C-alpha atoms as a PDB file:
ATOM      1  CA  MET A   1     -24.009 -27.654  15.806  1.00  0.00           C
ATOM      2  CA  SER A   2     -21.910 -24.673  14.820  1.00  0.00           C
ATOM      3  CA  ILE A   3     -23.355 -21.834  12.772  1.00  0.00           C
ATOM      4  CA  PHE A   4     -20.095 -21.868  10.840  1.00  0.00           C
ATOM      5  CA  ASN A   5     -20.539 -25.353   9.445  1.00  0.00           C
ATOM      6  CA  GLN A   6     -18.021 -25.890   6.652  1.00  0.00           C
ATOM      7  CA  LYS A   7     -20.576 -27.644   4.417  1.00  0.00           C
ATOM      8  CA  ASN A   8     -22.634 -24.438   4.342  1.00  0.00           C
ATOM      9  CA  ALA A   9     -19.693 -22.050   4.117  1.00  0.00           C
ATOM     10  CA  VAL A  10     -19.922 -19.492   1.331  1.00  0.00           C
ATOM     11  CA  LYS A  11     -16.775 -19.082  -0.700  1.00  0.00           C
ATOM     12  CA  THR A  12     -16.116 -15.528  -1.776  1.00  0.00           C
ATOM     13  CA  GLU A  13     -13.690 -14.337  -4.374  1.00  0.00           C
ATOM     14  CA  TYR A  14     -12.526 -10.859  -5.249  1.00  0.00           C
ATOM     15  CA  ASN A  15     -14.817  -9.225  -7.803  1.00  0.00           C
ATOM     16  CA  PRO A  16     -13.147  -6.261  -9.534  1.00  0.00           C
ATOM     17  CA  ASN A  17     -16.571  -4.903 -10.517  1.00  0.00           C
ATOM     18  CA  SER A  18     -17.802  -4.619  -6.935  1.00  0.00           C
ATOM     19  CA  LEU A  19     -17.787  -1.333  -5.044  1.00  0.00           C
ATOM     20  CA  ASN A  20     -17.483  -0.885  -1.287  1.00  0.00           C
ATOM     21  CA  ILE A  21     -19.660   2.025  -0.108  1.00  0.00           C
ATOM     22  CA  ILE A  22     -20.025   3.833   3.214  1.00  0.00           C
ATOM     23  CA  ASN A  23     -23.160   5.927   2.737  1.00  0.00           C
ATOM     24  CA  ALA A  24     -23.927   9.371   4.131  1.00  0.00           C
ATOM     25  CA  GLY A  25     -25.277   9.117   7.652  1.00  0.00           C
ATOM     26  CA  THR A  26     -22.948   6.195   8.479  1.00  0.00           C
ATOM     27  CA  GLU A  27     -19.913   6.455  10.755  1.00  0.00           C
ATOM     28  CA  VAL A  28     -17.253   3.748  10.814  1.00  0.00           C
ATOM     29  CA  ARG A  29     -14.456   3.508  13.382  1.00  0.00           C
ATOM     30  CA  GLY A  30     -11.605   1.280  12.250  1.00  0.00           C
ATOM     31  CA  ASP A  31      -9.405   0.531   9.268  1.00  0.00           C
ATOM     32  CA  ILE A  32     -10.536  -0.435   5.775  1.00  0.00           C
ATOM     33  CA  ILE A  33      -8.362  -2.738   3.655  1.00  0.00           C
ATOM     34  CA  SER A  34      -9.655  -3.616   0.186  1.00  0.00           C
ATOM     35  CA  ASN A  35      -8.504  -4.897  -3.183  1.00  0.00           C
ATOM     36  CA  GLY A  36     -11.411  -3.118  -4.905  1.00  0.00           C
ATOM     37  CA  ASP A  37     -12.804   0.376  -5.271  1.00  0.00           C
ATOM     38  CA  VAL A  38     -14.031   2.166  -2.144  1.00  0.00           C
ATOM     39  CA  ARG A  39     -16.466   5.084  -1.959  1.00  0.00           C
ATOM     40  CA  ILE A  40     -17.018   7.028   1.250  1.00  0.00           C
ATOM     41  CA  ASP A  41     -19.947   9.428   1.618  1.00  0.00           C
ATOM     42  CA  GLY A  42     -20.155   9.007   5.404  1.00  0.00           C
ATOM     43  CA  ILE A  43     -17.534   9.346   8.138  1.00  0.00           C
ATOM     44  CA  LEU A  44     -14.509   7.095   8.626  1.00  0.00           C
ATOM     45  CA  LYS A  45     -12.296   7.405  11.690  1.00  0.00           C
ATOM     46  CA  GLY A  46      -9.443   5.126  10.675  1.00  0.00           C
ATOM     47  CA  THR A  47      -7.170   4.368   7.750  1.00  0.00           C
ATOM     48  CA  VAL A  48      -8.034   3.289   4.209  1.00  0.00           C
ATOM     49  CA  HIS A  49      -5.763   1.035   2.167  1.00  0.00           C
ATOM     50  CA  THR A  50      -7.006  -0.054  -1.251  1.00  0.00           C
ATOM     51  CA  LYS A  51      -5.200  -1.408  -4.281  1.00  0.00           C
ATOM     52  CA  ALA A  52      -7.766   0.295  -6.523  1.00  0.00           C
ATOM     53  CA  LYS A  53      -9.580   3.659  -6.497  1.00  0.00           C
ATOM     54  CA  LEU A  54     -10.840   5.619  -3.503  1.00  0.00           C
ATOM     55  CA  VAL A  55     -13.652   8.148  -3.926  1.00  0.00           C
ATOM     56  CA  ILE A  56     -14.613  10.488  -1.109  1.00  0.00           C
ATOM     57  CA  GLY A  57     -17.906  12.188  -1.908  1.00  0.00           C
ATOM     58  CA  PRO A  58     -18.810  15.770  -0.921  1.00  0.00           C
ATOM     59  CA  THR A  59     -20.358  14.550   2.370  1.00  0.00           C
ATOM     60  CA  GLY A  60     -17.510  12.108   3.035  1.00  0.00           C
ATOM     61  CA  SER A  61     -14.936  12.594   5.766  1.00  0.00           C
ATOM     62  CA  ILE A  62     -11.851  10.614   6.803  1.00  0.00           C
ATOM     63  CA  GLU A  63      -9.823  11.123   9.962  1.00  0.00           C
ATOM     64  CA  GLY A  64      -6.843   8.908   9.219  1.00  0.00           C
ATOM     65  CA  ASP A  65      -4.264   8.084   6.581  1.00  0.00           C
ATOM     66  CA  ILE A  66      -5.044   6.991   3.016  1.00  0.00           C
ATOM     67  CA  LYS A  67      -3.113   4.666   0.692  1.00  0.00           C
ATOM     68  CA  SER A  68      -4.515   3.797  -2.744  1.00  0.00           C
ATOM     69  CA  GLN A  69      -3.771   3.478  -6.443  1.00  0.00           C
ATOM     70  CA  ASN A  70      -5.959   6.461  -7.473  1.00  0.00           C
ATOM     71  CA  ALA A  71      -8.258   8.824  -5.575  1.00  0.00           C
ATOM     72  CA  ASP A  72     -10.925  11.464  -6.228  1.00  0.00           C
ATOM     73  CA  ILE A  73     -11.634  13.582  -3.159  1.00  0.00           C
ATOM     74  CA  SER A  74     -14.619  15.913  -2.858  1.00  0.00           C
ATOM     75  CA  GLY A  75     -14.976  15.746   0.945  1.00  0.00           C
ATOM     76  CA  SER A  76     -12.535  16.255   3.811  1.00  0.00           C
ATOM     77  CA  VAL A  77      -9.441  14.375   4.962  1.00  0.00           C
ATOM     78  CA  LYS A  78      -7.453  14.890   8.162  1.00  0.00           C
ATOM     79  CA  GLY A  79      -4.437  12.668   7.631  1.00  0.00           C
ATOM     80  CA  ASN A  80      -1.644  11.849   5.219  1.00  0.00           C
ATOM     81  CA  ILE A  81      -2.446  10.707   1.684  1.00  0.00           C
ATOM     82  CA  SER A  82      -0.249   8.372  -0.387  1.00  0.00           C
ATOM     83  CA  ILE A  83      -1.443   7.708  -3.952  1.00  0.00           C
ATOM     84  CA  ASP A  84       0.459   5.539  -6.430  1.00  0.00           C
ATOM     85  CA  GLU A  85      -0.871   7.223  -9.586  1.00  0.00           C
ATOM     86  CA  LEU A  86      -3.427  10.091  -9.797  1.00  0.00           C
ATOM     87  CA  LEU A  87      -4.931  12.163  -6.983  1.00  0.00           C
ATOM     88  CA  THR A  88      -7.737  14.559  -7.902  1.00  0.00           C
ATOM     89  CA  LEU A  89      -8.860  17.169  -5.370  1.00  0.00           C
ATOM     90  CA  LYS A  90     -12.293  18.426  -6.391  1.00  0.00           C
ATOM     91  CA  ASN A  91     -13.479  22.015  -5.777  1.00  0.00           C
ATOM     92  CA  THR A  92     -15.234  21.029  -2.499  1.00  0.00           C
ATOM     93  CA  SER A  93     -12.259  19.120  -1.025  1.00  0.00           C
ATOM     94  CA  LYS A  94     -10.548  20.075   2.239  1.00  0.00           C
ATOM     95  CA  ILE A  95      -7.242  18.336   2.967  1.00  0.00           C
ATOM     96  CA  PHE A  96      -5.280  18.707   6.217  1.00  0.00           C
ATOM     97  CA  GLY A  97      -2.164  16.542   5.889  1.00  0.00           C
ATOM     98  CA  ASP A  98       0.748  15.653   3.646  1.00  0.00           C
ATOM     99  CA  ILE A  99       0.364  14.234   0.131  1.00  0.00           C
ATOM    100  CA  THR A 100       2.627  11.846  -1.769  1.00  0.00           C
ATOM    101  CA  THR A 101       1.539  11.071  -5.331  1.00  0.00           C
ATOM    102  CA  LYS A 102       2.737  10.673  -8.904  1.00  0.00           C
ATOM    103  CA  LYS A 103       0.154  13.043 -10.447  1.00  0.00           C
ATOM    104  CA  LEU A 104      -1.961  15.724  -8.759  1.00  0.00           C
ATOM    105  CA  ILE A 105      -4.954  17.719  -9.982  1.00  0.00           C
ATOM    106  CA  VAL A 106      -6.412  20.441  -7.749  1.00  0.00           C
ATOM    107  CA  GLU A 107      -9.609  22.056  -8.989  1.00  0.00           C
ATOM    108  CA  THR A 108     -10.236  25.741  -8.291  1.00  0.00           C
ATOM    109  CA  GLY A 109     -11.696  26.001  -4.798  1.00  0.00           C
ATOM    110  CA  GLY A 110     -10.101  22.811  -3.495  1.00  0.00           C
ATOM    111  CA  GLU A 111      -8.233  23.332  -0.193  1.00  0.00           C
ATOM    112  CA  PHE A 112      -4.923  21.674   0.648  1.00  0.00           C
ATOM    113  CA  ASN A 113      -2.952  22.358   3.840  1.00  0.00           C
ATOM    114  CA  GLY A 114       0.249  20.340   4.096  1.00  0.00           C
ATOM    115  CA  LYS A 115       3.331  19.288   2.155  1.00  0.00           C
ATOM    116  CA  CYS A 116       3.336  17.587  -1.220  1.00  0.00           C
ATOM    117  CA  GLN A 117       5.894  15.171  -2.615  1.00  0.00           C
ATOM    118  CA  MET A 118       5.687  14.131  -6.258  1.00  0.00           C
ATOM    119  CA  ARG A 119       6.954  10.733  -7.401  1.00  0.00           C
ATOM    120  CA  THR A 120       8.538  10.446 -10.828  1.00  0.00           C
ATOM    121  CA  ASN A 121       8.408   7.425 -13.121  1.00  0.00           C
ATOM    122  CA  ASN A 122      11.546   5.999 -11.509  1.00  0.00           C
ATOM    123  CA  ASP A 123       9.874   6.279  -8.047  1.00  0.00           C
ATOM    124  CA  SER A 124      12.272   8.920  -6.762  1.00  0.00           C
ATOM    125  CA  VAL A 125      10.585  11.620  -4.733  1.00  0.00           C
ATOM    126  CA  LYS A 126      10.712  15.329  -5.479  1.00  0.00           C
ATOM    127  CA  ASN A 127       9.614  17.914  -2.964  1.00  0.00           C
ATOM    128  CA  ALA A 128       7.075  20.149  -4.684  1.00  0.00           C
ATOM    129  CA  GLY A 129       7.732  22.822  -2.082  1.00  0.00           C
ATOM    130  CA  SER A 130      11.389  23.047  -3.110  1.00  0.00           C
ATOM    131  CA  ALA A 131      10.518  25.202  -6.149  1.00  0.00           C
ATOM    132  CA  GLN A 132      10.153  28.180  -3.836  1.00  0.00           C
ATOM    133  CA  SER A 133      13.541  27.603  -2.213  1.00  0.00           C
ATOM    134  CA  GLN A 134      15.134  27.163  -5.653  1.00  0.00           C
ATOM    135  CA  ALA A 135      13.562  30.442  -6.808  1.00  0.00           C
ATOM    136  CA  GLN A 136      15.319  32.243  -3.953  1.00  0.00           C
ATOM    137  CA  GLN A 137      18.734  31.002  -5.075  1.00  0.00           C
ATOM    138  CA  PRO A 138      20.770  33.173  -7.454  1.00  0.00           C
ATOM    139  CA  ILE A 139      20.600  32.242 -11.120  1.00  0.00           C
ATOM    140  CA  LYS A 140      23.865  30.868 -12.526  1.00  0.00           C
ATOM    141  CA  ALA A 141      24.778  32.027 -15.991  1.00  0.00           C
END
């Protein structure tokens, strides 16, 4: 008799109120794919892809790329970050990688080392770093 008997199989459905948590003191190696919110207070060595919100707590660390709808980061990330809507870098955050997002908030003290591209409402991409190169060009009257 199989332990995966279909009569005893548990059917699971997506619950938008559920939260996936990796607690402090836990290390995960591999990729996370989720339709719901994800909170990481431990260590993840892999990518995260969620259609909802990602929260990285002050003790949280990710070595890999991130893709999500929204994100609040208080911990560290070594990898590229792609956020569909709002990315908030808290004052304890340390980011080493490129960011693509629609809206960005960086609190005083938050560290960001990389390039940033901002999406507009029509999904075109603007290079946030181009403001410096534009400032060096002569002003046309």
